[in-house]
Every structure is written in structure tokens, then in C-alpha cells.
């Protein structure tokens, strides 16, 4: 099985608990809103829902493993890459 390409540098892998985190900056709120609308469709398609917070010009995303007490793996990395493709 091939491993996915490396993650964009904006993603950080953290431990305790295992997760991927990313902060995405935008110029203005309309761009944030457009991104969130696209993200909603992507989440529905993948049935994955990251934790998120946002402000006028940023979105913070956290992706946890599907399995509680699991590690970040190919599924989480693939979902992060799909999010990157929205940008």
C-alpha cells in the first residue's frame, strides 16, 4: 500500500491526544465563509468532521483519529490533504 504524499507544512502532528492541527489565514471574512462552505461539503462526503474555530480572517482545524485512543494515520493525513485542495 502506497503512503500518501507528505502533508502541507501548515499541518502539525501532535501527541497527547494524537491529532493533526492547522491554522489557515485568509484576507477577509467572505473568504473564510466560502472556505467553511466548501469544508462542509467535503466533511459530508468523507463523513469526517474536524474540530474547528474561526475568526474574521482565520480557521483553526483539528483532526483526531477515527478510533478513540488511536494514532494519526493515512486516513487522517488523506483528509488533511483533501482540505488543502480546497485552498
N, C-alpha and C. Protein backbone atom coordinates (compact mmCIF):
# COMPACT_ATOMS: atom_id res chain seq x y z
N UNK A 1 0.83 -1.17 0.00
CA UNK A 1 0.00 0.00 0.00
C UNK A 1 0.88 1.24 0.00
N UNK A 2 0.61 2.16 -0.92
CA UNK A 2 1.40 3.38 -1.01
C UNK A 2 1.04 4.33 0.11
N UNK A 3 2.05 5.03 0.63
CA UNK A 3 1.75 6.04 1.63
C UNK A 3 1.43 7.36 0.93
N UNK A 4 0.58 8.17 1.57
CA UNK A 4 0.21 9.44 0.94
C UNK A 4 1.40 10.37 0.88
N UNK A 5 1.36 11.36 -0.02
CA UNK A 5 2.45 12.32 -0.06
C UNK A 5 2.54 13.07 1.26
N UNK A 6 3.68 13.70 1.54
CA UNK A 6 3.82 14.41 2.81
C UNK A 6 2.77 15.52 2.95
N UNK A 7 2.41 15.79 4.19
CA UNK A 7 1.44 16.84 4.47
C UNK A 7 2.02 18.22 4.21
N UNK A 8 1.14 19.15 3.87
CA UNK A 8 1.50 20.55 3.77
C UNK A 8 2.13 20.99 5.09
N UNK A 9 3.09 21.87 5.03
CA UNK A 9 3.81 22.31 6.23
C UNK A 9 2.91 23.01 7.24
N UNK A 10 1.74 23.46 6.82
CA UNK A 10 0.86 24.14 7.76
C UNK A 10 0.24 23.17 8.78
N UNK A 11 0.28 21.88 8.50
CA UNK A 11 -0.26 20.88 9.43
C UNK A 11 0.82 20.45 10.41
N UNK A 12 0.45 20.35 11.67
CA UNK A 12 1.35 19.86 12.72
C UNK A 12 0.74 18.61 13.34
N UNK A 13 1.58 17.60 13.51
CA UNK A 13 1.11 16.41 14.21
C UNK A 13 1.45 16.55 15.68
N UNK A 14 0.46 16.35 16.53
CA UNK A 14 0.62 16.49 17.98
C UNK A 14 0.30 15.16 18.65
N UNK A 15 0.79 15.02 19.87
CA UNK A 15 0.50 13.84 20.69
C UNK A 15 -0.27 14.30 21.92
N UNK A 16 -0.81 13.38 22.64
CA UNK A 16 -1.49 13.64 23.92
C UNK A 16 -2.59 14.67 23.82
N UNK A 17 -3.66 14.43 23.20
CA UNK A 17 -4.00 13.25 22.40
C UNK A 17 -3.48 13.37 20.98
N UNK A 18 -3.32 12.25 20.28
CA UNK A 18 -2.86 12.29 18.89
C UNK A 18 -3.85 13.08 18.03
N UNK A 19 -3.30 13.98 17.17
CA UNK A 19 -4.14 14.80 16.32
C UNK A 19 -3.29 15.54 15.30
N UNK A 20 -3.96 16.06 14.27
CA UNK A 20 -3.35 16.98 13.31
C UNK A 20 -3.99 18.33 13.54
N UNK A 21 -3.18 19.39 13.50
CA UNK A 21 -3.68 20.74 13.69
C UNK A 21 -3.18 21.65 12.57
N UNK A 22 -4.01 22.62 12.23
CA UNK A 22 -3.65 23.55 11.17
C UNK A 22 -4.36 24.88 11.42
N UNK A 23 -3.67 25.97 11.14
CA UNK A 23 -4.29 27.30 11.15
C UNK A 23 -4.15 27.85 9.74
N UNK A 24 -5.28 28.25 9.15
CA UNK A 24 -5.29 28.77 7.79
C UNK A 24 -5.69 30.23 7.85
N UNK A 25 -4.87 31.09 7.27
CA UNK A 25 -5.15 32.52 7.25
C UNK A 25 -5.85 32.93 5.96
N UNK A 26 -6.73 33.91 6.07
CA UNK A 26 -7.47 34.45 4.93
C UNK A 26 -7.38 35.97 4.96
N UNK A 27 -7.68 36.60 3.85
CA UNK A 27 -7.63 38.05 3.74
C UNK A 27 -8.82 38.70 4.44
N UNK A 28 -10.00 38.07 4.32
CA UNK A 28 -11.20 38.69 4.89
C UNK A 28 -12.24 37.62 5.21
N UNK A 29 -13.32 38.04 5.86
CA UNK A 29 -14.35 37.11 6.29
C UNK A 29 -15.08 36.43 5.13
N UNK A 30 -15.38 37.11 4.02
CA UNK A 30 -16.02 36.38 2.92
C UNK A 30 -15.20 35.16 2.45
N UNK A 31 -13.89 35.26 2.47
CA UNK A 31 -13.05 34.11 2.11
C UNK A 31 -13.19 33.00 3.15
N UNK A 32 -13.23 33.37 4.43
CA UNK A 32 -13.42 32.38 5.50
C UNK A 32 -14.75 31.65 5.29
N UNK A 33 -15.79 32.42 5.05
CA UNK A 33 -17.12 31.83 4.87
C UNK A 33 -17.16 30.89 3.67
N UNK A 34 -16.55 31.29 2.56
CA UNK A 34 -16.51 30.44 1.37
C UNK A 34 -15.77 29.13 1.68
N UNK A 35 -14.63 29.22 2.36
CA UNK A 35 -13.88 28.02 2.73
C UNK A 35 -14.73 27.11 3.61
N UNK A 36 -15.41 27.68 4.61
CA UNK A 36 -16.23 26.86 5.51
C UNK A 36 -17.37 26.17 4.77
N UNK A 37 -17.94 26.83 3.78
CA UNK A 37 -19.00 26.20 2.98
C UNK A 37 -18.44 25.02 2.18
N UNK A 38 -17.24 25.19 1.61
CA UNK A 38 -16.61 24.09 0.88
C UNK A 38 -16.25 22.96 1.84
N UNK A 39 -15.76 23.32 3.02
CA UNK A 39 -15.38 22.33 4.02
C UNK A 39 -16.59 21.50 4.44
N UNK A 40 -17.74 22.15 4.57
CA UNK A 40 -18.96 21.43 4.94
C UNK A 40 -19.26 20.32 3.94
N UNK A 41 -19.17 20.63 2.65
CA UNK A 41 -19.42 19.62 1.62
C UNK A 41 -18.40 18.49 1.69
N UNK A 42 -17.14 18.84 1.90
CA UNK A 42 -16.08 17.83 2.00
C UNK A 42 -16.31 16.92 3.20
N UNK A 43 -16.69 17.50 4.32
CA UNK A 43 -16.94 16.70 5.53
C UNK A 43 -18.10 15.73 5.30
N UNK A 44 -19.14 16.18 4.66
CA UNK A 44 -20.28 15.30 4.36
C UNK A 44 -19.85 14.16 3.45
N UNK A 45 -19.03 14.47 2.47
CA UNK A 45 -18.55 13.45 1.52
C UNK A 45 -17.72 12.39 2.23
N UNK A 46 -16.82 12.82 3.12
CA UNK A 46 -15.92 11.90 3.81
C UNK A 46 -16.47 11.36 5.12
N UNK A 47 -17.58 11.95 5.59
CA UNK A 47 -18.13 11.61 6.89
C UNK A 47 -17.08 11.76 7.99
N UNK A 48 -16.31 12.83 7.88
CA UNK A 48 -15.29 13.21 8.88
C UNK A 48 -15.57 14.66 9.25
N UNK A 49 -15.49 14.96 10.53
CA UNK A 49 -15.84 16.30 10.99
C UNK A 49 -14.77 16.79 11.96
N UNK A 50 -13.86 17.64 11.47
CA UNK A 50 -12.80 18.14 12.34
C UNK A 50 -13.36 19.14 13.36
N UNK A 51 -12.66 19.27 14.46
CA UNK A 51 -12.97 20.37 15.37
C UNK A 51 -12.47 21.63 14.69
N UNK A 52 -13.23 22.71 14.82
CA UNK A 52 -12.78 23.94 14.19
C UNK A 52 -13.20 25.15 15.00
N UNK A 53 -12.43 26.19 14.83
CA UNK A 53 -12.77 27.51 15.34
C UNK A 53 -12.36 28.49 14.25
N UNK A 54 -13.01 29.63 14.23
CA UNK A 54 -12.68 30.59 13.17
C UNK A 54 -12.93 32.00 13.66
N UNK A 55 -12.31 32.91 12.98
CA UNK A 55 -12.49 34.33 13.23
C UNK A 55 -12.61 35.06 11.91
N UNK A 56 -12.44 36.35 11.96
CA UNK A 56 -12.62 37.19 10.77
C UNK A 56 -11.68 36.81 9.64
N UNK A 57 -10.46 36.36 9.97
CA UNK A 57 -9.50 36.08 8.90
C UNK A 57 -8.69 34.79 9.13
N UNK A 58 -9.26 33.83 9.85
CA UNK A 58 -8.55 32.56 10.05
C UNK A 58 -9.53 31.44 10.35
N UNK A 59 -9.04 30.20 10.15
CA UNK A 59 -9.75 28.99 10.56
C UNK A 59 -8.72 28.08 11.20
N UNK A 60 -9.02 27.57 12.39
CA UNK A 60 -8.20 26.56 13.06
C UNK A 60 -8.91 25.22 12.92
N UNK A 61 -8.17 24.19 12.51
CA UNK A 61 -8.73 22.86 12.32
C UNK A 61 -7.95 21.84 13.15
N UNK A 62 -8.66 20.90 13.73
CA UNK A 62 -8.04 19.78 14.45
C UNK A 62 -8.71 18.50 13.98
N UNK A 63 -7.90 17.56 13.52
CA UNK A 63 -8.39 16.26 13.07
C UNK A 63 -7.88 15.21 14.04
N UNK A 64 -8.81 14.50 14.66
CA UNK A 64 -8.47 13.40 15.57
C UNK A 64 -8.61 12.08 14.84
N UNK A 65 -7.90 11.04 15.29
CA UNK A 65 -8.06 9.72 14.68
C UNK A 65 -9.50 9.23 14.81
N UNK A 66 -9.94 8.43 13.85
CA UNK A 66 -11.29 7.87 13.90
C UNK A 66 -11.49 7.00 15.13
N UNK A 67 -10.49 6.23 15.47
CA UNK A 67 -10.56 5.33 16.62
C UNK A 67 -10.10 6.07 17.88
N UNK A 68 -10.93 6.02 18.92
CA UNK A 68 -10.51 6.62 20.18
C UNK A 68 -9.25 5.89 20.65
N UNK A 69 -8.30 6.62 21.16
CA UNK A 69 -7.00 6.10 21.60
C UNK A 69 -6.17 5.58 20.44
N UNK A 70 -6.53 5.97 19.20
CA UNK A 70 -5.75 5.57 18.03
C UNK A 70 -4.68 6.59 17.72
N UNK A 71 -3.88 6.29 16.73
CA UNK A 71 -2.83 7.20 16.27
C UNK A 71 -3.26 7.85 14.96
N UNK A 72 -2.64 8.97 14.66
CA UNK A 72 -2.86 9.63 13.38
C UNK A 72 -2.28 8.73 12.29
N UNK A 73 -3.08 8.46 11.28
CA UNK A 73 -2.63 7.57 10.22
C UNK A 73 -2.97 8.10 8.84
N UNK A 74 -2.97 7.20 7.87
CA UNK A 74 -3.21 7.58 6.47
C UNK A 74 -4.57 8.22 6.25
N UNK A 75 -5.59 7.76 6.96
CA UNK A 75 -6.92 8.33 6.78
C UNK A 75 -6.96 9.80 7.19
N UNK A 76 -6.35 10.11 8.32
CA UNK A 76 -6.32 11.49 8.80
C UNK A 76 -5.47 12.36 7.88
N UNK A 77 -4.34 11.84 7.45
CA UNK A 77 -3.47 12.59 6.55
C UNK A 77 -4.16 12.82 5.20
N UNK A 78 -4.86 11.81 4.70
CA UNK A 78 -5.58 11.95 3.43
C UNK A 78 -6.69 13.00 3.54
N UNK A 79 -7.38 13.03 4.67
CA UNK A 79 -8.43 14.02 4.87
C UNK A 79 -7.81 15.42 4.95
N UNK A 80 -6.68 15.55 5.63
CA UNK A 80 -5.98 16.85 5.69
C UNK A 80 -5.57 17.31 4.29
N UNK A 81 -5.11 16.39 3.47
CA UNK A 81 -4.73 16.75 2.10
C UNK A 81 -5.95 17.17 1.28
N UNK A 82 -7.09 16.53 1.51
CA UNK A 82 -8.32 16.92 0.82
C UNK A 82 -8.72 18.33 1.23
N UNK A 83 -8.53 18.68 2.49
CA UNK A 83 -8.81 20.03 2.96
C UNK A 83 -7.88 21.02 2.27
N UNK A 84 -6.61 20.67 2.16
CA UNK A 84 -5.63 21.54 1.49
C UNK A 84 -6.05 21.82 0.05
N UNK A 85 -6.66 20.86 -0.61
CA UNK A 85 -7.06 21.04 -2.00
C UNK A 85 -8.20 22.05 -2.16
N UNK A 86 -8.88 22.36 -1.05
CA UNK A 86 -9.93 23.38 -1.10
C UNK A 86 -9.35 24.79 -1.23
N UNK A 87 -8.09 24.93 -0.86
CA UNK A 87 -7.47 26.27 -0.82
C UNK A 87 -6.98 26.71 -2.17
